[in-house]
């Protein structure tokens, strides 16, 4: 089963929008709250996550894109409210693959 990690910038209730076939875990559930993005990505890769889902638009300017250990999916919405982010979930589900490229994906409606 594919595993996704939801960043702290995303409402934790969004994990329920993914349904079956994807195991979605939040950063706080992994006890990785306040972990810097570089370390967070390394930890996530080590734990078998295929991607980090975030609303942090600055992540691509804070990380070396050519050295990402897992894929990063940036959700682009007007606000980081559950109602604004839920419509993006089907777009994320279409991206998911066991061997996702280690790059930054942008998802918007």
PDB file of N, CA and C in Angstrom:
ATOM      1  N   UNK A   1       0.836  -1.180   0.000  1.00  0.00           N
ATOM      2  CA  UNK A   1       0.000   0.000   0.000  1.00  0.00           C
ATOM      3  C   UNK A   1       0.882   1.246   0.000  1.00  0.00           C
ATOM      4  N   UNK A   2       0.534   2.202  -0.841  1.00  0.00           N
ATOM      5  CA  UNK A   2       1.295   3.452  -0.908  1.00  0.00           C
ATOM      6  C   UNK A   2       1.052   4.278   0.350  1.00  0.00           C
ATOM      7  N   UNK A   3       2.107   4.944   0.800  1.00  0.00           N
ATOM      8  CA  UNK A   3       2.023   5.754   2.012  1.00  0.00           C
ATOM      9  C   UNK A   3       2.307   7.208   1.689  1.00  0.00           C
ATOM     10  N   UNK A   4       1.419   8.093   2.151  1.00  0.00           N
ATOM     11  CA  UNK A   4       1.592   9.536   2.004  1.00  0.00           C
ATOM     12  C   UNK A   4       1.771  10.155   3.379  1.00  0.00           C
ATOM     13  N   UNK A   5       2.582  11.189   3.448  1.00  0.00           N
ATOM     14  CA  UNK A   5       2.770  11.937   4.676  1.00  0.00           C
ATOM     15  C   UNK A   5       2.158  13.317   4.505  1.00  0.00           C
ATOM     16  N   UNK A   6       1.237  13.695   5.398  1.00  0.00           N
ATOM     17  CA  UNK A   6       0.628  15.026   5.375  1.00  0.00           C
ATOM     18  C   UNK A   6       1.428  15.958   6.270  1.00  0.00           C
ATOM     19  N   UNK A   7       1.863  17.044   5.693  1.00  0.00           N
ATOM     20  CA  UNK A   7       2.643  18.039   6.414  1.00  0.00           C
ATOM     21  C   UNK A   7       1.775  18.759   7.449  1.00  0.00           C
ATOM     22  N   UNK A   8       2.430  19.440   8.367  1.00  0.00           N
ATOM     23  CA  UNK A   8       1.723  20.205   9.391  1.00  0.00           C
ATOM     24  C   UNK A   8       0.924  21.360   8.802  1.00  0.00           C
ATOM     25  N   UNK A   9       1.250  21.805   7.599  1.00  0.00           N
ATOM     26  CA  UNK A   9       0.543  22.919   6.969  1.00  0.00           C
ATOM     27  C   UNK A   9      -0.817  22.508   6.410  1.00  0.00           C
ATOM     28  N   UNK A  10      -1.120  21.223   6.472  1.00  0.00           N
ATOM     29  CA  UNK A  10      -2.367  20.680   5.921  1.00  0.00           C
ATOM     30  C   UNK A  10      -3.257  20.216   7.083  1.00  0.00           C
ATOM     31  N   UNK A  11      -4.557  20.545   7.052  1.00  0.00           N
ATOM     32  CA  UNK A  11      -5.435  20.059   8.122  1.00  0.00           C
ATOM     33  C   UNK A  11      -5.404  18.535   8.212  1.00  0.00           C
ATOM     34  N   UNK A  12      -5.233  18.017   9.420  1.00  0.00           N
ATOM     35  CA  UNK A  12      -5.085  16.574   9.591  1.00  0.00           C
ATOM     36  C   UNK A  12      -6.313  15.789   9.138  1.00  0.00           C
ATOM     37  N   UNK A  13      -7.476  16.407   9.152  1.00  0.00           N
ATOM     38  CA  UNK A  13      -8.702  15.708   8.725  1.00  0.00           C
ATOM     39  C   UNK A  13      -8.707  15.416   7.225  1.00  0.00           C
ATOM     40  N   UNK A  14      -7.810  16.056   6.466  1.00  0.00           N
ATOM     41  CA  UNK A  14      -7.744  15.801   5.024  1.00  0.00           C
ATOM     42  C   UNK A  14      -7.377  14.346   4.737  1.00  0.00           C
ATOM     43  N   UNK A  15      -6.706  13.700   5.649  1.00  0.00           N
ATOM     44  CA  UNK A  15      -6.286  12.316   5.415  1.00  0.00           C
ATOM     45  C   UNK A  15      -7.462  11.399   5.138  1.00  0.00           C
ATOM     46  N   UNK A  16      -8.635  11.716   5.661  1.00  0.00           N
ATOM     47  CA  UNK A  16      -9.823  10.884   5.461  1.00  0.00           C
ATOM     48  C   UNK A  16     -10.407  11.018   4.057  1.00  0.00           C
ATOM     49  N   UNK A  17     -10.008  12.037   3.314  1.00  0.00           N
ATOM     50  CA  UNK A  17     -10.517  12.260   1.960  1.00  0.00           C
ATOM     51  C   UNK A  17      -9.876  11.322   0.939  1.00  0.00           C
ATOM     52  N   UNK A  18      -8.797  10.647   1.296  1.00  0.00           N
ATOM     53  CA  UNK A  18      -8.081   9.811   0.341  1.00  0.00           C
ATOM     54  C   UNK A  18      -8.698   8.439   0.145  1.00  0.00           C
ATOM     55  N   UNK A  19      -9.445   7.950   1.107  1.00  0.00           N
ATOM     56  CA  UNK A  19     -10.107   6.659   0.961  1.00  0.00           C
ATOM     57  C   UNK A  19      -9.143   5.488   1.006  1.00  0.00           C
ATOM     58  N   UNK A  20      -9.605   4.367   0.461  1.00  0.00           N
ATOM     59  CA  UNK A  20      -8.828   3.127   0.490  1.00  0.00           C
ATOM     60  C   UNK A  20      -7.690   3.146  -0.530  1.00  0.00           C
ATOM     61  N   UNK A  21      -6.714   2.318  -0.305  1.00  0.00           N
ATOM     62  CA  UNK A  21      -5.616   2.166  -1.248  1.00  0.00           C
ATOM     63  C   UNK A  21      -4.417   3.048  -0.957  1.00  0.00           C
ATOM     64  N   UNK A  22      -4.592   4.039  -0.093  1.00  0.00           N
ATOM     65  CA  UNK A  22      -3.495   4.928   0.270  1.00  0.00           C
ATOM     66  C   UNK A  22      -3.485   5.072   1.784  1.00  0.00           C
ATOM     67  N   UNK A  23      -2.356   4.802   2.377  1.00  0.00           N
ATOM     68  CA  UNK A  23      -2.209   5.001   3.818  1.00  0.00           C
ATOM     69  C   UNK A  23      -1.687   6.417   4.032  1.00  0.00           C
ATOM     70  N   UNK A  24      -2.488   7.239   4.673  1.00  0.00           N
ATOM     71  CA  UNK A  24      -2.125   8.640   4.892  1.00  0.00           C
ATOM     72  C   UNK A  24      -1.876   8.857   6.382  1.00  0.00           C
ATOM     73  N   UNK A  25      -0.705   9.392   6.676  1.00  0.00           N
ATOM     74  CA  UNK A  25      -0.287   9.629   8.054  1.00  0.00           C
ATOM     75  C   UNK A  25       0.135  11.088   8.158  1.00  0.00           C
ATOM     76  N   UNK A  26      -0.143  11.711   9.295  1.00  0.00           N
ATOM     77  CA  UNK A  26       0.250  13.105   9.482  1.00  0.00           C
ATOM     78  C   UNK A  26       1.613  13.198  10.164  1.00  0.00           C
ATOM     79  N   UNK A  27       2.263  14.330   9.970  1.00  0.00           N
ATOM     80  CA  UNK A  27       3.557  14.576  10.613  1.00  0.00           C
ATOM     81  C   UNK A  27       3.438  14.441  12.135  1.00  0.00           C
ATOM     82  N   UNK A  28       2.408  15.044  12.776  1.00  0.00           N
ATOM     83  CA  UNK A  28       2.307  14.852  14.232  1.00  0.00           C
ATOM     84  C   UNK A  28       2.108  13.393  14.652  1.00  0.00           C
ATOM     85  N   UNK A  29       1.386  12.609  13.853  1.00  0.00           N
ATOM     86  CA  UNK A  29       1.208  11.194  14.187  1.00  0.00           C
ATOM     87  C   UNK A  29       2.537  10.437  14.181  1.00  0.00           C
ATOM     88  N   UNK A  30       3.469  10.898  13.378  1.00  0.00           N
ATOM     89  CA  UNK A  30       4.797  10.279  13.330  1.00  0.00           C
ATOM     90  C   UNK A  30       5.733  10.856  14.398  1.00  0.00           C
ATOM     91  N   UNK A  31       5.219  11.810  15.186  1.00  0.00           N
ATOM     92  CA  UNK A  31       6.012  12.499  16.213  1.00  0.00           C
ATOM     93  C   UNK A  31       7.162  13.288  15.593  1.00  0.00           C
ATOM     94  N   UNK A  32       6.904  13.867  14.399  1.00  0.00           N
ATOM     95  CA  UNK A  32       7.908  14.662  13.693  1.00  0.00           C
ATOM     96  C   UNK A  32       7.538  16.138  13.649  1.00  0.00           C
ATOM     97  N   UNK A  33       6.631  16.581  14.515  1.00  0.00           N
ATOM     98  CA  UNK A  33       6.246  17.994  14.536  1.00  0.00           C
ATOM     99  C   UNK A  33       7.483  18.857  14.749  1.00  0.00           C
ATOM    100  N   UNK A  34       7.494  20.001  14.132  1.00  0.00           N
ATOM    101  CA  UNK A  34       8.575  20.999  14.150  1.00  0.00           C
ATOM    102  C   UNK A  34       9.909  20.493  13.589  1.00  0.00           C
ATOM    103  N   UNK A  35       9.892  19.383  12.888  1.00  0.00           N
ATOM    104  CA  UNK A  35      11.102  18.892  12.214  1.00  0.00           C
ATOM    105  C   UNK A  35      11.309  19.715  10.947  1.00  0.00           C
ATOM    106  N   UNK A  36      12.513  20.152  10.709  1.00  0.00           N
ATOM    107  CA  UNK A  36      12.824  20.944   9.507  1.00  0.00           C
ATOM    108  C   UNK A  36      12.557  20.117   8.261  1.00  0.00           C
ATOM    109  N   UNK A  37      12.193  20.805   7.158  1.00  0.00           N
ATOM    110  CA  UNK A  37      11.779  20.106   5.943  1.00  0.00           C
ATOM    111  C   UNK A  37      12.810  19.117   5.408  1.00  0.00           C
ATOM    112  N   UNK A  38      14.074  19.480   5.386  1.00  0.00           N
ATOM    113  CA  UNK A  38      15.090  18.571   4.865  1.00  0.00           C
ATOM    114  C   UNK A  38      15.155  17.272   5.654  1.00  0.00           C
ATOM    115  N   UNK A  39      15.165  17.399   6.966  1.00  0.00           N
ATOM    116  CA  UNK A  39      15.181  16.227   7.839  1.00  0.00           C
ATOM    117  C   UNK A  39      13.872  15.455   7.726  1.00  0.00           C
ATOM    118  N   UNK A  40      12.768  16.168   7.624  1.00  0.00           N
ATOM    119  CA  UNK A  40      11.451  15.539   7.487  1.00  0.00           C
ATOM    120  C   UNK A  40      11.387  14.671   6.230  1.00  0.00           C
ATOM    121  N   UNK A  41      11.887  15.184   5.124  1.00  0.00           N
ATOM    122  CA  UNK A  41      11.885  14.419   3.871  1.00  0.00           C
ATOM    123  C   UNK A  41      12.755  13.166   3.988  1.00  0.00           C
ATOM    124  N   UNK A  42      13.886  13.288   4.650  1.00  0.00           N
ATOM    125  CA  UNK A  42      14.769  12.126   4.832  1.00  0.00           C
ATOM    126  C   UNK A  42      14.100  11.073   5.711  1.00  0.00           C
ATOM    127  N   UNK A  43      13.503  11.518   6.819  1.00  0.00           N
ATOM    128  CA  UNK A  43      12.795  10.589   7.707  1.00  0.00           C
ATOM    129  C   UNK A  43      11.655   9.890   6.964  1.00  0.00           C
ATOM    130  N   UNK A  44      10.902  10.661   6.185  1.00  0.00           N
ATOM    131  CA  UNK A  44       9.777  10.094   5.440  1.00  0.00           C
ATOM    132  C   UNK A  44      10.257   9.048   4.445  1.00  0.00           C
ATOM    133  N   UNK A  45      11.343   9.326   3.752  1.00  0.00           N
ATOM    134  CA  UNK A  45      11.894   8.358   2.795  1.00  0.00           C
ATOM    135  C   UNK A  45      12.327   7.086   3.519  1.00  0.00           C
ATOM    136  N   UNK A  46      12.989   7.257   4.653  1.00  0.00           N
ATOM    137  CA  UNK A  46      13.459   6.104   5.434  1.00  0.00           C
ATOM    138  C   UNK A  46      12.299   5.238   5.926  1.00  0.00           C
ATOM    139  N   UNK A  47      11.139   5.844   6.148  1.00  0.00           N
ATOM    140  CA  UNK A  47       9.962   5.122   6.644  1.00  0.00           C
ATOM    141  C   UNK A  47       9.072   4.588   5.515  1.00  0.00           C
ATOM    142  N   UNK A  48       9.477   4.789   4.264  1.00  0.00           N
ATOM    143  CA  UNK A  48       8.745   4.208   3.149  1.00  0.00           C
ATOM    144  C   UNK A  48       7.614   5.039   2.576  1.00  0.00           C
ATOM    145  N   UNK A  49       7.549   6.329   2.913  1.00  0.00           N
ATOM    146  CA  UNK A  49       6.547   7.194   2.298  1.00  0.00           C
ATOM    147  C   UNK A  49       6.951   7.493   0.862  1.00  0.00           C
ATOM    148  N   UNK A  50       5.953   7.586  -0.042  1.00  0.00           N
ATOM    149  CA  UNK A  50       6.284   7.904  -1.439  1.00  0.00           C
ATOM    150  C   UNK A  50       6.248   9.394  -1.700  1.00  0.00           C
ATOM    151  N   UNK A  51       5.522  10.150  -0.840  1.00  0.00           N
ATOM    152  CA  UNK A  51       5.432  11.591  -1.053  1.00  0.00           C
ATOM    153  C   UNK A  51       5.025  12.314   0.212  1.00  0.00           C
ATOM    154  N   UNK A  52       5.432  13.571   0.281  1.00  0.00           N
ATOM    155  CA  UNK A  52       4.985  14.507   1.308  1.00  0.00           C
ATOM    156  C   UNK A  52       3.962  15.419   0.645  1.00  0.00           C
ATOM    157  N   UNK A  53       2.782  15.542   1.254  1.00  0.00           N
ATOM    158  CA  UNK A  53       1.748  16.449   0.763  1.00  0.00           C
ATOM    159  C   UNK A  53       1.754  17.668   1.668  1.00  0.00           C
ATOM    160  N   UNK A  54       1.928  18.842   1.070  1.00  0.00           N
ATOM    161  CA  UNK A  54       2.076  20.071   1.842  1.00  0.00           C
ATOM    162  C   UNK A  54       1.326  21.224   1.197  1.00  0.00           C
ATOM    163  N   UNK A  55       1.090  22.256   1.974  1.00  0.00           N
ATOM    164  CA  UNK A  55       0.558  23.513   1.444  1.00  0.00           C
ATOM    165  C   UNK A  55       1.635  24.591   1.519  1.00  0.00           C
ATOM    166  N   UNK A  56       2.835  24.205   1.885  1.00  0.00           N
ATOM    167  CA  UNK A  56       3.973  25.118   2.022  1.00  0.00           C
ATOM    168  C   UNK A  56       4.551  25.431   0.639  1.00  0.00           C
ATOM    169  N   UNK A  57       4.186  26.577   0.108  1.00  0.00           N
ATOM    170  CA  UNK A  57       4.652  26.966  -1.238  1.00  0.00           C
ATOM    171  C   UNK A  57       6.138  27.295  -1.275  1.00  0.00           C
ATOM    172  N   UNK A  58       6.725  27.518  -0.137  1.00  0.00           N
ATOM    173  CA  UNK A  58       8.134  27.872  -0.099  1.00  0.00           C
ATOM    174  C   UNK A  58       9.075  26.686  -0.069  1.00  0.00           C
ATOM    175  N   UNK A  59       8.539  25.489   0.048  1.00  0.00           N
ATOM    176  CA  UNK A  59       9.397  24.312   0.200  1.00  0.00           C
ATOM    177  C   UNK A  59      10.356  24.128  -0.979  1.00  0.00           C
ATOM    178  N   UNK A  60       9.901  24.469  -2.170  1.00  0.00           N
ATOM    179  CA  UNK A  60      10.776  24.266  -3.327  1.00  0.00           C
ATOM    180  C   UNK A  60      11.949  25.234  -3.354  1.00  0.00           C
ATOM    181  N   UNK A  61      11.854  26.318  -2.600  1.00  0.00           N
ATOM    182  CA  UNK A  61      12.958  27.275  -2.523  1.00  0.00           C
ATOM    183  C   UNK A  61      13.865  26.973  -1.342  1.00  0.00           C
ATOM    184  N   UNK A  62      13.438  26.059  -0.480  1.00  0.00           N
ATOM    185  CA  UNK A  62      14.199  25.714   0.708  1.00  0.00           C
ATOM    186  C   UNK A  62      14.961  24.401   0.562  1.00  0.00           C
ATOM    187  N   UNK A  63      14.655  23.640  -0.483  1.00  0.00           N
ATOM    188  CA  UNK A  63      15.263  22.318  -0.662  1.00  0.00           C
ATOM    189  C   UNK A  63      15.999  22.240  -1.997  1.00  0.00           C
ATOM    190  N   UNK A  64      17.004  21.411  -2.043  1.00  0.00           N
ATOM    191  CA  UNK A  64      17.678  21.131  -3.311  1.00  0.00           C
ATOM    192  C   UNK A  64      16.790  20.166  -4.088  1.00  0.00           C
ATOM    193  N   UNK A  65      16.218  20.643  -5.148  1.00  0.00           N
ATOM    194  CA  UNK A  65      15.268  19.857  -5.935  1.00  0.00           C
ATOM    195  C   UNK A  65      15.922  18.591  -6.490  1.00  0.00           C
ATOM    196  N   UNK A  66      17.171  18.681  -6.880  1.00  0.00           N
ATOM    197  CA  UNK A  66      17.859  17.525  -7.475  1.00  0.00           C
ATOM    198  C   UNK A  66      18.251  16.471  -6.440  1.00  0.00           C
ATOM    199  N   UNK A  67      18.016  16.759  -5.149  1.00  0.00           N
ATOM    200  CA  UNK A  67      18.416  15.822  -4.107  1.00  0.00           C
ATOM    201  C   UNK A  67      17.239  15.379  -3.231  1.00  0.00           C
ATOM    202  N   UNK A  68      16.021  15.525  -3.718  1.00  0.00           N
ATOM    203  CA  UNK A  68      14.868  15.130  -2.921  1.00  0.00           C
ATOM    204  C   UNK A  68      14.849  13.615  -2.728  1.00  0.00           C
ATOM    205  N   UNK A  69      14.639  13.152  -1.489  1.00  0.00           N
ATOM    206  CA  UNK A  69      14.586  11.708  -1.255  1.00  0.00           C
ATOM    207  C   UNK A  69      13.221  11.092  -1.592  1.00  0.00           C
ATOM    208  N   UNK A  70      12.173  11.918  -1.646  1.00  0.00           N
ATOM    209  CA  UNK A  70      10.830  11.471  -2.036  1.00  0.00           C
ATOM    210  C   UNK A  70      10.170  12.596  -2.824  1.00  0.00           C
ATOM    211  N   UNK A  71       9.021  12.289  -3.425  1.00  0.00           N
ATOM    212  CA  UNK A  71       8.252  13.311  -4.129  1.00  0.00           C
ATOM    213  C   UNK A  71       7.627  14.269  -3.116  1.00  0.00           C
ATOM    214  N   UNK A  72       7.402  15.503  -3.556  1.00  0.00           N
ATOM    215  CA  UNK A  72       6.725  16.504  -2.740  1.00  0.00           C
ATOM    216  C   UNK A  72       5.556  17.021  -3.570  1.00  0.00           C
ATOM    217  N   UNK A  73       4.363  16.996  -2.982  1.00  0.00           N
ATOM    218  CA  UNK A  73       3.163  17.484  -3.661  1.00  0.00           C
ATOM    219  C   UNK A  73       2.711  18.743  -2.938  1.00  0.00           C
ATOM    220  N   UNK A  74       2.751  19.872  -3.644  1.00  0.00           N
ATOM    221  CA  UNK A  74       2.355  21.152  -3.071  1.00  0.00           C
ATOM    222  C   UNK A  74       0.928  21.445  -3.503  1.00  0.00           C
ATOM    223  N   UNK A  75       0.047  21.595  -2.536  1.00  0.00           N
ATOM    224  CA  UNK A  75      -1.356  21.899  -2.799  1.00  0.00           C
ATOM    225  C   UNK A  75      -1.514  23.418  -2.904  1.00  0.00           C
ATOM    226  N   UNK A  76      -2.035  23.876  -4.036  1.00  0.00           N
ATOM    227  CA  UNK A  76      -2.220  25.301  -4.261  1.00  0.00           C
ATOM    228  C   UNK A  76      -3.703  25.629  -4.147  1.00  0.00           C
ATOM    229  N   UNK A  77      -4.070  26.300  -3.076  1.00  0.00           N
ATOM    230  CA  UNK A  77      -5.458  26.690  -2.833  1.00  0.00           C
ATOM    231  C   UNK A  77      -5.446  28.104  -2.262  1.00  0.00           C
ATOM    232  N   UNK A  78      -6.612  28.731  -2.274  1.00  0.00           N
ATOM    233  CA  UNK A  78      -6.702  30.098  -1.739  1.00  0.00           C
ATOM    234  C   UNK A  78      -6.392  30.133  -0.250  1.00  0.00           C
ATOM    235  N   UNK A  79      -6.856  29.107   0.469  1.00  0.00           N
ATOM    236  CA  UNK A  79      -6.610  29.009   1.907  1.00  0.00           C
ATOM    237  C   UNK A  79      -6.305  27.555   2.252  1.00  0.00           C
ATOM    238  N   UNK A  80      -5.770  27.344   3.414  1.00  0.00           N
ATOM    239  CA  UNK A  80      -5.437  25.991   3.856  1.00  0.00           C
ATOM    240  C   UNK A  80      -6.547  25.377   4.696  1.00  0.00           C
ATOM    241  N   UNK A  81      -7.775  25.689   4.353  1.00  0.00           N
ATOM    242  CA  UNK A  81      -8.911  25.102   5.048  1.00  0.00           C
ATOM    243  C   UNK A  81      -9.278  23.782   4.381  1.00  0.00           C
ATOM    244  N   UNK A  82      -9.857  22.898   5.148  1.00  0.00           N
ATOM    245  CA  UNK A  82     -10.252  21.589   4.648  1.00  0.00           C
ATOM    246  C   UNK A  82     -11.133  21.712   3.407  1.00  0.00           C
ATOM    247  N   UNK A  83     -12.105  22.597   3.441  1.00  0.00           N
ATOM    248  CA  UNK A  83     -13.034  22.769   2.310  1.00  0.00           C
ATOM    249  C   UNK A  83     -12.313  23.231   1.044  1.00  0.00           C
ATOM    250  N   UNK A  84     -11.239  23.962   1.185  1.00  0.00           N
ATOM    251  CA  UNK A  84     -10.479  24.435   0.026  1.00  0.00           C
ATOM    252  C   UNK A  84      -9.519  23.372  -0.508  1.00  0.00           C
ATOM    253  N   UNK A  85      -9.068  22.485   0.360  1.00  0.00           N
ATOM    254  CA  UNK A  85      -8.075  21.482  -0.040  1.00  0.00           C
ATOM    255  C   UNK A  85      -8.691  20.163  -0.508  1.00  0.00           C
ATOM    256  N   UNK A  86      -9.857  19.815  -0.014  1.00  0.00           N
ATOM    257  CA  UNK A  86     -10.489  18.543  -0.402  1.00  0.00           C
ATOM    258  C   UNK A  86     -10.656  18.395  -1.916  1.00  0.00           C
ATOM    259  N   UNK A  87     -11.029  19.437  -2.658  1.00  0.00           N
ATOM    260  CA  UNK A  87     -11.159  19.271  -4.114  1.00  0.00           C
ATOM    261  C   UNK A  87      -9.847  18.919  -4.820  1.00  0.00           C
ATOM    262  N   UNK A  88      -8.728  19.091  -4.150  1.00  0.00           N
ATOM    263  CA  UNK A  88      -7.426  18.771  -4.747  1.00  0.00           C
ATOM    264  C   UNK A  88      -7.060  17.297  -4.609  1.00  0.00           C
ATOM    265  N   UNK A  89      -7.730  16.585  -3.715  1.00  0.00           N
ATOM    266  CA  UNK A  89      -7.389  15.186  -3.450  1.00  0.00           C
ATOM    267  C   UNK A  89      -7.487  14.309  -4.699  1.00  0.00           C
ATOM    268  N   UNK A  90      -8.545  14.405  -5.526  1.00  0.00           N
ATOM    269  CA  UNK A  90      -8.570  13.569  -6.737  1.00  0.00           C
ATOM    270  C   UNK A  90      -7.394  13.831  -7.673  1.00  0.00           C
ATOM    271  N   UNK A  91      -6.917  15.075  -7.715  1.00  0.00           N
ATOM    272  CA  UNK A  91      -5.755  15.399  -8.550  1.00  0.00           C
ATOM    273  C   UNK A  91      -4.491  14.727  -7.995  1.00  0.00           C
ATOM    274  N   UNK A  92      -4.388  14.700  -6.677  1.00  0.00           N
ATOM    275  CA  UNK A  92      -3.250  14.031  -6.039  1.00  0.00           C
ATOM    276  C   UNK A  92      -3.319  12.528  -6.304  1.00  0.00           C
ATOM    277  N   UNK A  93      -4.503  11.951  -6.183  1.00  0.00           N
ATOM    278  CA  UNK A  93      -4.658  10.511  -6.387  1.00  0.00           C
ATOM    279  C   UNK A  93      -4.256  10.103  -7.809  1.00  0.00           C
ATOM    280  N   UNK A  94      -4.488  10.965  -8.781  1.00  0.00           N
ATOM    281  CA  UNK A  94      -4.089  10.650 -10.162  1.00  0.00           C
ATOM    282  C   UNK A  94      -2.567  10.658 -10.327  1.00  0.00           C
ATOM    283  N   UNK A  95      -1.880  11.396  -9.492  1.00  0.00           N
ATOM    284  CA  UNK A  95      -0.414  11.457  -9.563  1.00  0.00           C
ATOM    285  C   UNK A  95       0.260  10.232  -8.943  1.00  0.00           C
ATOM    286  N   UNK A  96      -0.416   9.628  -7.995  1.00  0.00           N
ATOM    287  CA  UNK A  96       0.223   8.598  -7.184  1.00  0.00           C
ATOM    288  C   UNK A  96       0.627   7.376  -7.995  1.00  0.00           C
ATOM    289  N   UNK A  97       1.835   6.967  -7.758  1.00  0.00           N
ATOM    290  CA  UNK A  97       2.379   5.752  -8.366  1.00  0.00           C
ATOM    291  C   UNK A  97       3.460   5.242  -7.432  1.00  0.00           C
ATOM    292  N   UNK A  98       3.622   3.926  -7.347  1.00  0.00           N
ATOM    293  CA  UNK A  98       4.649   3.392  -6.443  1.00  0.00           C
ATOM    294  C   UNK A  98       6.047   3.959  -6.706  1.00  0.00           C
ATOM    295  N   UNK A  99       6.330   4.300  -7.935  1.00  0.00           N
ATOM    296  CA  UNK A  99       7.655   4.825  -8.269  1.00  0.00           C
ATOM    297  C   UNK A  99       7.554   6.271  -8.750  1.00  0.00           C
ATOM    298  N   UNK A 100       6.951   7.123  -7.938  1.00  0.00           N
ATOM    299  CA  UNK A 100       6.842   8.541  -8.292  1.00  0.00           C
ATOM    300  C   UNK A 100       8.228   9.141  -8.446  1.00  0.00           C
ATOM    301  N   UNK A 101       8.364  10.070  -9.378  1.00  0.00           N
ATOM    302  CA  UNK A 101       9.629  10.778  -9.521  1.00  0.00           C
ATOM    303  C   UNK A 101       9.882  11.612  -8.280  1.00  0.00           C
ATOM    304  N   UNK A 102      11.125  11.742  -7.922  1.00  0.00           N
ATOM    305  CA  UNK A 102      11.512  12.552  -6.764  1.00  0.00           C
ATOM    306  C   UNK A 102      11.633  14.006  -7.213  1.00  0.00           C
ATOM    307  N   UNK A 103      10.481  14.645  -7.285  1.00  0.00           N
ATOM    308  CA  UNK A 103      10.431  16.039  -7.705  1.00  0.00           C
ATOM    309  C   UNK A 103       9.264  16.718  -7.021  1.00  0.00           C
ATOM    310  N   UNK A 104       9.077  17.997  -7.304  1.00  0.00           N
ATOM    311  CA  UNK A 104       7.962  18.738  -6.733  1.00  0.00           C
ATOM    312  C   UNK A 104       6.834  18.785  -7.750  1.00  0.00           C
ATOM    313  N   UNK A 105       5.659  18.383  -7.302  1.00  0.00           N
ATOM    314  CA  UNK A 105       4.436  18.450  -8.099  1.00  0.00           C
ATOM    315  C   UNK A 105       3.568  19.561  -7.525  1.00  0.00           C
ATOM    316  N   UNK A 106       2.897  20.303  -8.386  1.00  0.00           N
ATOM    317  CA  UNK A 106       1.947  21.335  -7.946  1.00  0.00           C
ATOM    318  C   UNK A 106       0.554  20.869  -8.327  1.00  0.00           C
ATOM    319  N   UNK A 107      -0.376  20.965  -7.388  1.00  0.00           N
ATOM    320  CA  UNK A 107      -1.742  20.517  -7.617  1.00  0.00           C
ATOM    321  C   UNK A 107      -2.676  21.685  -7.316  1.00  0.00           C
ATOM    322  N   UNK A 108      -3.493  22.027  -8.306  1.00  0.00           N
ATOM    323  CA  UNK A 108      -4.478  23.106  -8.154  1.00  0.00           C
ATOM    324  C   UNK A 108      -5.740  22.692  -8.890  1.00  0.00           C
ATOM    325  N   UNK A 109      -6.838  23.356  -8.563  1.00  0.00           N
ATOM    326  CA  UNK A 109      -8.100  23.062  -9.255  1.00  0.00           C
ATOM    327  C   UNK A 109      -8.140  23.854 -10.540  1.00  0.00           C
TER     328      UNK A 109
END
